[in-house]
């Protein structure tokens, strides 16, 4: 999927439903999202709202990004990579110097 900014995301899941008029994609099964800026997330279900530019899940999620690794009971993320909001029992390992150049 190419986003309006030109960024891209690769998505896959065992099942899914696309609602054309609402521009919503609900992926189920083992869902994987990979972005061109180094984020990835994995869950049993993730909903993508292409109008709002968000990916959300109320299921357990694990993943990683330039900042470190995480596990949580849910998430909302901006598909452009501006934020990841983790909910419900968050566990993280943060690499404080991950974004610093040598």
PDB file of N, CA and C in Angstrom:
ATOM      1  N   UNK A   1       0.849  -1.166   0.000  1.00  0.00           N
ATOM      2  CA  UNK A   1       0.000   0.000   0.000  1.00  0.00           C
ATOM      3  C   UNK A   1       0.895   1.229   0.000  1.00  0.00           C
ATOM      4  N   UNK A   2       0.693   2.121  -0.947  1.00  0.00           N
ATOM      5  CA  UNK A   2       1.413   3.391  -0.974  1.00  0.00           C
ATOM      6  C   UNK A   2       0.516   4.464  -0.360  1.00  0.00           C
ATOM      7  N   UNK A   3       1.042   5.189   0.606  1.00  0.00           N
ATOM      8  CA  UNK A   3       0.302   6.225   1.321  1.00  0.00           C
ATOM      9  C   UNK A   3       0.440   7.561   0.604  1.00  0.00           C
ATOM     10  N   UNK A   4      -0.430   8.547   0.930  1.00  0.00           N
ATOM     11  CA  UNK A   4      -0.380   9.846   0.260  1.00  0.00           C
ATOM     12  C   UNK A   4       0.983  10.536   0.316  1.00  0.00           C
ATOM     13  N   UNK A   5       1.751  10.288   1.378  1.00  0.00           N
ATOM     14  CA  UNK A   5       3.065  10.916   1.512  1.00  0.00           C
ATOM     15  C   UNK A   5       4.123  10.264   0.622  1.00  0.00           C
ATOM     16  N   UNK A   6       3.774   9.096   0.040  1.00  0.00           N
ATOM     17  CA  UNK A   6       4.741   8.341  -0.739  1.00  0.00           C
ATOM     18  C   UNK A   6       5.346   7.192   0.048  1.00  0.00           C
ATOM     19  N   UNK A   7       5.115   7.175   1.366  1.00  0.00           N
ATOM     20  CA  UNK A   7       5.575   6.060   2.194  1.00  0.00           C
ATOM     21  C   UNK A   7       4.788   4.805   1.819  1.00  0.00           C
ATOM     22  N   UNK A   8       5.317   3.638   2.152  1.00  0.00           N
ATOM     23  CA  UNK A   8       4.593   2.411   1.844  1.00  0.00           C
ATOM     24  C   UNK A   8       4.537   1.484   3.047  1.00  0.00           C
ATOM     25  N   UNK A   9       3.545   0.611   3.018  1.00  0.00           N
ATOM     26  CA  UNK A   9       3.373  -0.440   4.018  1.00  0.00           C
ATOM     27  C   UNK A   9       3.061  -1.735   3.288  1.00  0.00           C
ATOM     28  N   UNK A  10       3.638  -2.826   3.765  1.00  0.00           N
ATOM     29  CA  UNK A  10       3.292  -4.155   3.265  1.00  0.00           C
ATOM     30  C   UNK A  10       2.422  -4.820   4.323  1.00  0.00           C
ATOM     31  N   UNK A  11       1.297  -5.387   3.919  1.00  0.00           N
ATOM     32  CA  UNK A  11       0.335  -5.988   4.835  1.00  0.00           C
ATOM     33  C   UNK A  11      -0.003  -7.394   4.388  1.00  0.00           C
ATOM     34  N   UNK A  12      -0.240  -8.260   5.352  1.00  0.00           N
ATOM     35  CA  UNK A  12      -0.816  -9.556   5.002  1.00  0.00           C
ATOM     36  C   UNK A  12      -1.564 -10.114   6.202  1.00  0.00           C
ATOM     37  N   UNK A  13      -2.520 -10.964   5.915  1.00  0.00           N
ATOM     38  CA  UNK A  13      -3.320 -11.635   6.934  1.00  0.00           C
ATOM     39  C   UNK A  13      -3.959 -12.864   6.319  1.00  0.00           C
ATOM     40  N   UNK A  14      -4.418 -13.767   7.162  1.00  0.00           N
ATOM     41  CA  UNK A  14      -5.052 -14.981   6.658  1.00  0.00           C
ATOM     42  C   UNK A  14      -6.422 -14.705   6.053  1.00  0.00           C
ATOM     43  N   UNK A  15      -7.088 -13.644   6.518  1.00  0.00           N
ATOM     44  CA  UNK A  15      -8.398 -13.270   5.986  1.00  0.00           C
ATOM     45  C   UNK A  15      -8.561 -11.770   6.047  1.00  0.00           C
ATOM     46  N   UNK A  16      -9.570 -11.266   5.375  1.00  0.00           N
ATOM     47  CA  UNK A  16      -9.799  -9.833   5.417  1.00  0.00           C
ATOM     48  C   UNK A  16     -11.042  -9.411   4.681  1.00  0.00           C
ATOM     49  N   UNK A  17     -11.532  -8.231   5.039  1.00  0.00           N
ATOM     50  CA  UNK A  17     -12.690  -7.632   4.388  1.00  0.00           C
ATOM     51  C   UNK A  17     -12.356  -6.178   4.093  1.00  0.00           C
ATOM     52  N   UNK A  18     -12.555  -5.776   2.834  1.00  0.00           N
ATOM     53  CA  UNK A  18     -12.339  -4.384   2.438  1.00  0.00           C
ATOM     54  C   UNK A  18     -13.690  -3.745   2.205  1.00  0.00           C
ATOM     55  N   UNK A  19     -13.937  -2.609   2.875  1.00  0.00           N
ATOM     56  CA  UNK A  19     -15.164  -1.842   2.701  1.00  0.00           C
ATOM     57  C   UNK A  19     -14.826  -0.638   1.835  1.00  0.00           C
ATOM     58  N   UNK A  20     -15.123  -0.751   0.557  1.00  0.00           N
ATOM     59  CA  UNK A  20     -14.706   0.244  -0.429  1.00  0.00           C
ATOM     60  C   UNK A  20     -15.228   1.646  -0.121  1.00  0.00           C
ATOM     61  N   UNK A  21     -16.518   1.773   0.159  1.00  0.00           N
ATOM     62  CA  UNK A  21     -17.093   3.113   0.376  1.00  0.00           C
ATOM     63  C   UNK A  21     -16.500   3.806   1.595  1.00  0.00           C
ATOM     64  N   UNK A  22     -16.205   3.043   2.647  1.00  0.00           N
ATOM     65  CA  UNK A  22     -15.628   3.617   3.859  1.00  0.00           C
ATOM     66  C   UNK A  22     -14.099   3.636   3.813  1.00  0.00           C
ATOM     67  N   UNK A  23     -13.497   2.965   2.847  1.00  0.00           N
ATOM     68  CA  UNK A  23     -12.049   2.832   2.705  1.00  0.00           C
ATOM     69  C   UNK A  23     -11.420   2.230   3.970  1.00  0.00           C
ATOM     70  N   UNK A  24     -12.028   1.115   4.438  1.00  0.00           N
ATOM     71  CA  UNK A  24     -11.573   0.388   5.618  1.00  0.00           C
ATOM     72  C   UNK A  24     -11.156  -1.025   5.216  1.00  0.00           C
ATOM     73  N   UNK A  25     -10.083  -1.505   5.823  1.00  0.00           N
ATOM     74  CA  UNK A  25      -9.628  -2.870   5.601  1.00  0.00           C
ATOM     75  C   UNK A  25      -9.463  -3.542   6.954  1.00  0.00           C
ATOM     76  N   UNK A  26     -10.192  -4.639   7.174  1.00  0.00           N
ATOM     77  CA  UNK A  26     -10.077  -5.424   8.400  1.00  0.00           C
ATOM     78  C   UNK A  26      -9.364  -6.718   8.059  1.00  0.00           C
ATOM     79  N   UNK A  27      -8.164  -6.906   8.620  1.00  0.00           N
ATOM     80  CA  UNK A  27      -7.379  -8.118   8.401  1.00  0.00           C
ATOM     81  C   UNK A  27      -7.465  -9.003   9.636  1.00  0.00           C
ATOM     82  N   UNK A  28      -7.565 -10.321   9.424  1.00  0.00           N
ATOM     83  CA  UNK A  28      -7.672 -11.264  10.524  1.00  0.00           C
ATOM     84  C   UNK A  28      -6.718 -12.434  10.304  1.00  0.00           C
ATOM     85  N   UNK A  29      -6.616 -13.277  11.333  1.00  0.00           N
ATOM     86  CA  UNK A  29      -5.664 -14.378  11.286  1.00  0.00           C
ATOM     87  C   UNK A  29      -4.330 -13.846  11.768  1.00  0.00           C
ATOM     88  N   UNK A  30      -3.258 -14.399  11.320  1.00  0.00           N
ATOM     89  CA  UNK A  30      -1.940 -13.849  11.659  1.00  0.00           C
ATOM     90  C   UNK A  30      -1.683 -12.657  10.750  1.00  0.00           C
ATOM     91  N   UNK A  31      -1.822 -11.449  11.310  1.00  0.00           N
ATOM     92  CA  UNK A  31      -1.689 -10.211  10.537  1.00  0.00           C
ATOM     93  C   UNK A  31      -0.294  -9.628  10.757  1.00  0.00           C
ATOM     94  N   UNK A  32       0.322  -9.196   9.667  1.00  0.00           N
ATOM     95  CA  UNK A  32       1.648  -8.601   9.709  1.00  0.00           C
ATOM     96  C   UNK A  32       1.633  -7.290   8.943  1.00  0.00           C
ATOM     97  N   UNK A  33       2.223  -6.257   9.545  1.00  0.00           N
ATOM     98  CA  UNK A  33       2.371  -4.959   8.889  1.00  0.00           C
ATOM     99  C   UNK A  33       3.847  -4.576   8.947  1.00  0.00           C
ATOM    100  N   UNK A  34       4.393  -4.181   7.819  1.00  0.00           N
ATOM    101  CA  UNK A  34       5.769  -3.715   7.730  1.00  0.00           C
ATOM    102  C   UNK A  34       5.763  -2.353   7.037  1.00  0.00           C
ATOM    103  N   UNK A  35       6.517  -1.383   7.577  1.00  0.00           N
ATOM    104  CA  UNK A  35       6.580  -0.055   6.953  1.00  0.00           C
ATOM    105  C   UNK A  35       7.974   0.202   6.413  1.00  0.00           C
ATOM    106  N   UNK A  36       8.055   1.160   5.505  1.00  0.00           N
ATOM    107  CA  UNK A  36       9.350   1.500   4.911  1.00  0.00           C
ATOM    108  C   UNK A  36      10.251   2.296   5.848  1.00  0.00           C
ATOM    109  N   UNK A  37       9.740   2.719   7.012  1.00  0.00           N
ATOM    110  CA  UNK A  37      10.573   3.464   7.961  1.00  0.00           C
ATOM    111  C   UNK A  37      11.000   2.603   9.147  1.00  0.00           C
ATOM    112  N   UNK A  38      10.809   1.286   9.041  1.00  0.00           N
ATOM    113  CA  UNK A  38      11.358   0.388  10.041  1.00  0.00           C
ATOM    114  C   UNK A  38      10.416  -0.128  11.102  1.00  0.00           C
ATOM    115  N   UNK A  39       9.125   0.170  11.001  1.00  0.00           N
ATOM    116  CA  UNK A  39       8.168  -0.355  11.966  1.00  0.00           C
ATOM    117  C   UNK A  39       7.581  -1.660  11.461  1.00  0.00           C
ATOM    118  N   UNK A  40       7.275  -2.549  12.405  1.00  0.00           N
ATOM    119  CA  UNK A  40       6.494  -3.729  12.081  1.00  0.00           C
ATOM    120  C   UNK A  40       5.607  -4.057  13.275  1.00  0.00           C
ATOM    121  N   UNK A  41       4.426  -4.607  12.981  1.00  0.00           N
ATOM    122  CA  UNK A  41       3.476  -4.993  14.016  1.00  0.00           C
ATOM    123  C   UNK A  41       2.824  -6.301  13.602  1.00  0.00           C
ATOM    124  N   UNK A  42       2.523  -7.142  14.604  1.00  0.00           N
ATOM    125  CA  UNK A  42       1.931  -8.451  14.362  1.00  0.00           C
ATOM    126  C   UNK A  42       0.795  -8.656  15.364  1.00  0.00           C
ATOM    127  N   UNK A  43      -0.345  -9.146  14.887  1.00  0.00           N
ATOM    128  CA  UNK A  43      -1.506  -9.356  15.736  1.00  0.00           C
ATOM    129  C   UNK A  43      -2.445 -10.357  15.076  1.00  0.00           C
ATOM    130  N   UNK A  44      -3.507 -10.745  15.796  1.00  0.00           N
ATOM    131  CA  UNK A  44      -4.534 -11.623  15.215  1.00  0.00           C
ATOM    132  C   UNK A  44      -5.559 -10.831  14.411  1.00  0.00           C
ATOM    133  N   UNK A  45      -5.655  -9.529  14.657  1.00  0.00           N
ATOM    134  CA  UNK A  45      -6.609  -8.695  13.922  1.00  0.00           C
ATOM    135  C   UNK A  45      -6.150  -7.244  13.949  1.00  0.00           C
ATOM    136  N   UNK A  46      -6.155  -6.609  12.786  1.00  0.00           N
ATOM    137  CA  UNK A  46      -5.801  -5.189  12.678  1.00  0.00           C
ATOM    138  C   UNK A  46      -6.758  -4.551  11.679  1.00  0.00           C
ATOM    139  N   UNK A  47      -7.284  -3.378  12.045  1.00  0.00           N
ATOM    140  CA  UNK A  47      -8.171  -2.614  11.160  1.00  0.00           C
ATOM    141  C   UNK A  47      -7.424  -1.392  10.651  1.00  0.00           C
ATOM    142  N   UNK A  48      -7.481  -1.183   9.344  1.00  0.00           N
ATOM    143  CA  UNK A  48      -6.826  -0.036   8.721  1.00  0.00           C
ATOM    144  C   UNK A  48      -7.882   0.910   8.180  1.00  0.00           C
ATOM    145  N   UNK A  49      -7.801   2.169   8.597  1.00  0.00           N
ATOM    146  CA  UNK A  49      -8.705   3.213   8.127  1.00  0.00           C
ATOM    147  C   UNK A  49      -7.880   4.132   7.229  1.00  0.00           C
ATOM    148  N   UNK A  50      -8.082   4.009   5.925  1.00  0.00           N
ATOM    149  CA  UNK A  50      -7.280   4.774   4.977  1.00  0.00           C
ATOM    150  C   UNK A  50      -7.706   6.234   4.904  1.00  0.00           C
ATOM    151  N   UNK A  51      -8.905   6.568   5.378  1.00  0.00           N
ATOM    152  CA  UNK A  51      -9.342   7.967   5.435  1.00  0.00           C
ATOM    153  C   UNK A  51      -8.604   8.682   6.572  1.00  0.00           C
ATOM    154  N   UNK A  52      -8.601   8.062   7.763  1.00  0.00           N
ATOM    155  CA  UNK A  52      -7.921   8.654   8.917  1.00  0.00           C
ATOM    156  C   UNK A  52      -6.419   8.387   8.905  1.00  0.00           C
ATOM    157  N   UNK A  53      -5.987   7.377   8.156  1.00  0.00           N
ATOM    158  CA  UNK A  53      -4.571   7.020   8.113  1.00  0.00           C
ATOM    159  C   UNK A  53      -4.107   6.294   9.352  1.00  0.00           C
ATOM    160  N   UNK A  54      -4.991   5.458   9.944  1.00  0.00           N
ATOM    161  CA  UNK A  54      -4.652   4.749  11.169  1.00  0.00           C
ATOM    162  C   UNK A  54      -4.776   3.241  11.012  1.00  0.00           C
ATOM    163  N   UNK A  55      -4.015   2.540  11.836  1.00  0.00           N
ATOM    164  CA  UNK A  55      -4.131   1.090  11.982  1.00  0.00           C
ATOM    165  C   UNK A  55      -4.390   0.831  13.458  1.00  0.00           C
ATOM    166  N   UNK A  56      -5.450   0.070  13.781  1.00  0.00           N
ATOM    167  CA  UNK A  56      -5.805  -0.187  15.175  1.00  0.00           C
ATOM    168  C   UNK A  56      -6.018  -1.677  15.407  1.00  0.00           C
ATOM    169  N   UNK A  57      -5.825  -2.069  16.655  1.00  0.00           N
ATOM    170  CA  UNK A  57      -6.094  -3.446  17.060  1.00  0.00           C
ATOM    171  C   UNK A  57      -6.511  -3.465  18.523  1.00  0.00           C
ATOM    172  N   UNK A  58      -7.529  -4.262  18.835  1.00  0.00           N
ATOM    173  CA  UNK A  58      -7.937  -4.499  20.219  1.00  0.00           C
ATOM    174  C   UNK A  58      -7.410  -5.850  20.693  1.00  0.00           C
ATOM    175  N   UNK A  59      -6.600  -6.490  19.874  1.00  0.00           N
ATOM    176  CA  UNK A  59      -5.991  -7.786  20.180  1.00  0.00           C
ATOM    177  C   UNK A  59      -4.550  -7.569  20.645  1.00  0.00           C
ATOM    178  N   UNK A  60      -3.947  -8.634  21.192  1.00  0.00           N
ATOM    179  CA  UNK A  60      -2.540  -8.563  21.576  1.00  0.00           C
ATOM    180  C   UNK A  60      -1.692  -8.243  20.340  1.00  0.00           C
ATOM    181  N   UNK A  61      -0.753  -7.330  20.508  1.00  0.00           N
ATOM    182  CA  UNK A  61       0.117  -6.879  19.424  1.00  0.00           C
ATOM    183  C   UNK A  61       1.561  -6.966  19.892  1.00  0.00           C
ATOM    184  N   UNK A  62       2.444  -7.378  19.015  1.00  0.00           N
ATOM    185  CA  UNK A  62       3.876  -7.272  19.300  1.00  0.00           C
ATOM    186  C   UNK A  62       4.559  -6.749  18.045  1.00  0.00           C
ATOM    187  N   UNK A  63       5.662  -6.084  18.257  1.00  0.00           N
ATOM    188  CA  UNK A  63       6.357  -5.517  17.111  1.00  0.00           C
ATOM    189  C   UNK A  63       7.628  -4.812  17.504  1.00  0.00           C
ATOM    190  N   UNK A  64       8.137  -4.061  16.549  1.00  0.00           N
ATOM    191  CA  UNK A  64       9.367  -3.310  16.774  1.00  0.00           C
ATOM    192  C   UNK A  64       9.409  -2.110  15.856  1.00  0.00           C
ATOM    193  N   UNK A  65      10.270  -1.203  16.226  1.00  0.00           N
ATOM    194  CA  UNK A  65      10.489  -0.005  15.424  1.00  0.00           C
ATOM    195  C   UNK A  65      11.877   0.509  15.701  1.00  0.00           C
ATOM    196  N   UNK A  66      12.199   1.651  15.142  1.00  0.00           N
ATOM    197  CA  UNK A  66      13.529   2.220  15.354  1.00  0.00           C
ATOM    198  C   UNK A  66      13.840   2.475  16.831  1.00  0.00           C
ATOM    199  N   UNK A  67      12.811   2.626  17.664  1.00  0.00           N
ATOM    200  CA  UNK A  67      12.973   2.932  19.085  1.00  0.00           C
ATOM    201  C   UNK A  67      13.207   1.700  19.953  1.00  0.00           C
ATOM    202  N   UNK A  68      12.792   0.500  19.511  1.00  0.00           N
ATOM    203  CA  UNK A  68      12.910  -0.703  20.327  1.00  0.00           C
ATOM    204  C   UNK A  68      11.835  -1.714  19.980  1.00  0.00           C
ATOM    205  N   UNK A  69      11.467  -2.558  20.971  1.00  0.00           N
ATOM    206  CA  UNK A  69      10.465  -3.604  20.768  1.00  0.00           C
ATOM    207  C   UNK A  69       9.324  -3.409  21.754  1.00  0.00           C
ATOM    208  N   UNK A  70       8.125  -3.972  21.424  1.00  0.00           N
ATOM    209  CA  UNK A  70       6.976  -3.809  22.300  1.00  0.00           C
ATOM    210  C   UNK A  70       6.032  -4.999  22.221  1.00  0.00           C
ATOM    211  N   UNK A  71       5.243  -5.126  23.292  1.00  0.00           N
ATOM    212  CA  UNK A  71       4.096  -6.026  23.359  1.00  0.00           C
ATOM    213  C   UNK A  71       3.000  -5.257  24.066  1.00  0.00           C
ATOM    214  N   UNK A  72       1.761  -5.428  23.615  1.00  0.00           N
ATOM    215  CA  UNK A  72       0.656  -4.755  24.287  1.00  0.00           C
ATOM    216  C   UNK A  72      -0.637  -5.502  23.997  1.00  0.00           C
ATOM    217  N   UNK A  73      -1.692  -5.121  24.718  1.00  0.00           N
ATOM    218  CA  UNK A  73      -3.002  -5.719  24.510  1.00  0.00           C
ATOM    219  C   UNK A  73      -3.797  -5.033  23.423  1.00  0.00           C
ATOM    220  N   UNK A  74      -3.277  -3.949  22.857  1.00  0.00           N
ATOM    221  CA  UNK A  74      -3.940  -3.218  21.781  1.00  0.00           C
ATOM    222  C   UNK A  74      -3.069  -2.073  21.320  1.00  0.00           C
ATOM    223  N   UNK A  75      -3.464  -1.446  20.201  1.00  0.00           N
ATOM    224  CA  UNK A  75      -2.664  -0.328  19.685  1.00  0.00           C
ATOM    225  C   UNK A  75      -3.461   0.504  18.698  1.00  0.00           C
ATOM    226  N   UNK A  76      -3.002   1.712  18.517  1.00  0.00           N
ATOM    227  CA  UNK A  76      -3.405   2.561  17.398  1.00  0.00           C
ATOM    228  C   UNK A  76      -2.127   3.204  16.902  1.00  0.00           C
ATOM    229  N   UNK A  77      -1.932   3.172  15.591  1.00  0.00           N
ATOM    230  CA  UNK A  77      -0.752   3.822  15.032  1.00  0.00           C
ATOM    231  C   UNK A  77      -1.129   4.618  13.795  1.00  0.00           C
ATOM    232  N   UNK A  78      -0.419   5.699  13.616  1.00  0.00           N
ATOM    233  CA  UNK A  78      -0.538   6.509  12.415  1.00  0.00           C
ATOM    234  C   UNK A  78       0.252   5.798  11.320  1.00  0.00           C
ATOM    235  N   UNK A  79      -0.370   5.535  10.188  1.00  0.00           N
ATOM    236  CA  UNK A  79       0.307   4.782   9.132  1.00  0.00           C
ATOM    237  C   UNK A  79       1.479   5.535   8.518  1.00  0.00           C
ATOM    238  N   UNK A  80       1.600   6.835   8.782  1.00  0.00           N
ATOM    239  CA  UNK A  80       2.750   7.607   8.298  1.00  0.00           C
ATOM    240  C   UNK A  80       3.932   7.512   9.258  1.00  0.00           C
ATOM    241  N   UNK A  81       3.738   6.838  10.401  1.00  0.00           N
ATOM    242  CA  UNK A  81       4.830   6.656  11.355  1.00  0.00           C
ATOM    243  C   UNK A  81       5.002   7.783  12.351  1.00  0.00           C
ATOM    244  N   UNK A  82       4.001   8.664  12.501  1.00  0.00           N
ATOM    245  CA  UNK A  82       4.115   9.778  13.438  1.00  0.00           C
ATOM    246  C   UNK A  82       3.934   9.357  14.892  1.00  0.00           C
ATOM    247  N   UNK A  83       3.115   8.319  15.150  1.00  0.00           N
ATOM    248  CA  UNK A  83       2.919   7.859  16.524  1.00  0.00           C
ATOM    249  C   UNK A  83       2.459   6.408  16.547  1.00  0.00           C
ATOM    250  N   UNK A  84       2.727   5.766  17.666  1.00  0.00           N
ATOM    251  CA  UNK A  84       2.187   4.448  18.001  1.00  0.00           C
ATOM    252  C   UNK A  84       1.661   4.572  19.429  1.00  0.00           C
ATOM    253  N   UNK A  85       0.353   4.354  19.622  1.00  0.00           N
ATOM    254  CA  UNK A  85      -0.260   4.423  20.940  1.00  0.00           C
ATOM    255  C   UNK A  85      -0.562   2.991  21.373  1.00  0.00           C
ATOM    256  N   UNK A  86       0.133   2.514  22.399  1.00  0.00           N
ATOM    257  CA  UNK A  86      -0.028   1.151  22.895  1.00  0.00           C
ATOM    258  C   UNK A  86      -0.921   1.156  24.130  1.00  0.00           C
ATOM    259  N   UNK A  87      -1.765   0.136  24.280  1.00  0.00           N
ATOM    260  CA  UNK A  87      -2.718   0.066  25.397  1.00  0.00           C
ATOM    261  C   UNK A  87      -2.696  -1.319  26.025  1.00  0.00           C
ATOM    262  N   UNK A  88      -3.291  -1.424  27.204  1.00  0.00           N
ATOM    263  CA  UNK A  88      -3.610  -2.696  27.854  1.00  0.00           C
ATOM    264  C   UNK A  88      -2.389  -3.562  28.157  1.00  0.00           C
ATOM    265  N   UNK A  89      -1.657  -3.233  29.166  1.00  0.00           N
ATOM    266  CA  UNK A  89      -0.550  -4.075  29.597  1.00  0.00           C
ATOM    267  C   UNK A  89       0.665  -3.982  28.693  1.00  0.00           C
ATOM    268  N   UNK A  90       1.206  -2.809  28.576  1.00  0.00           N
ATOM    269  CA  UNK A  90       2.319  -2.553  27.657  1.00  0.00           C
ATOM    270  C   UNK A  90       3.642  -3.000  28.278  1.00  0.00           C
ATOM    271  N   UNK A  91       4.434  -3.682  27.471  1.00  0.00           N
ATOM    272  CA  UNK A  91       5.811  -4.036  27.831  1.00  0.00           C
ATOM    273  C   UNK A  91       6.697  -3.559  26.695  1.00  0.00           C
ATOM    274  N   UNK A  92       7.759  -2.821  27.054  1.00  0.00           N
ATOM    275  CA  UNK A  92       8.648  -2.270  26.030  1.00  0.00           C
ATOM    276  C   UNK A  92      10.107  -2.394  26.445  1.00  0.00           C
ATOM    277  N   UNK A  93      10.940  -2.517  25.441  1.00  0.00           N
ATOM    278  CA  UNK A  93      12.375  -2.339  25.599  1.00  0.00           C
ATOM    279  C   UNK A  93      12.745  -1.207  24.659  1.00  0.00           C
ATOM    280  N   UNK A  94      13.222  -0.103  25.219  1.00  0.00           N
ATOM    281  CA  UNK A  94      13.545   1.086  24.435  1.00  0.00           C
ATOM    282  C   UNK A  94      15.059   1.182  24.280  1.00  0.00           C
ATOM    283  N   UNK A  95      15.478   1.417  23.050  1.00  0.00           N
ATOM    284  CA  UNK A  95      16.890   1.627  22.743  1.00  0.00           C
ATOM    285  C   UNK A  95      17.116   3.132  22.642  1.00  0.00           C
ATOM    286  N   UNK A  96      17.574   3.794  23.709  1.00  0.00           N
ATOM    287  CA  UNK A  96      17.602   5.255  23.745  1.00  0.00           C
ATOM    288  C   UNK A  96      18.448   5.913  22.673  1.00  0.00           C
ATOM    289  N   UNK A  97      19.435   5.271  22.161  1.00  0.00           N
ATOM    290  CA  UNK A  97      20.298   5.890  21.160  1.00  0.00           C
ATOM    291  C   UNK A  97      20.011   5.382  19.747  1.00  0.00           C
ATOM    292  N   UNK A  98      18.873   4.720  19.571  1.00  0.00           N
ATOM    293  CA  UNK A  98      18.567   4.099  18.279  1.00  0.00           C
ATOM    294  C   UNK A  98      18.485   5.092  17.135  1.00  0.00           C
ATOM    295  N   UNK A  99      18.032   6.321  17.403  1.00  0.00           N
ATOM    296  CA  UNK A  99      17.863   7.300  16.319  1.00  0.00           C
ATOM    297  C   UNK A  99      19.031   8.269  16.194  1.00  0.00           C
ATOM    298  N   UNK A 100      20.041   8.112  17.034  1.00  0.00           N
ATOM    299  CA  UNK A 100      21.191   9.007  16.964  1.00  0.00           C
ATOM    300  C   UNK A 100      22.180   8.489  15.936  1.00  0.00           C
ATOM    301  N   UNK A 101      22.734   9.378  15.167  1.00  0.00           N
ATOM    302  CA  UNK A 101      23.741   9.010  14.168  1.00  0.00           C
ATOM    303  C   UNK A 101      25.119   9.030  14.803  1.00  0.00           C
ATOM    304  N   UNK A 102      25.964   8.178  14.307  1.00  0.00           N
ATOM    305  CA  UNK A 102      27.341   8.123  14.832  1.00  0.00           C
ATOM    306  C   UNK A 102      28.216   9.103  14.108  1.00  0.00           C
TER     307      UNK A 102
END
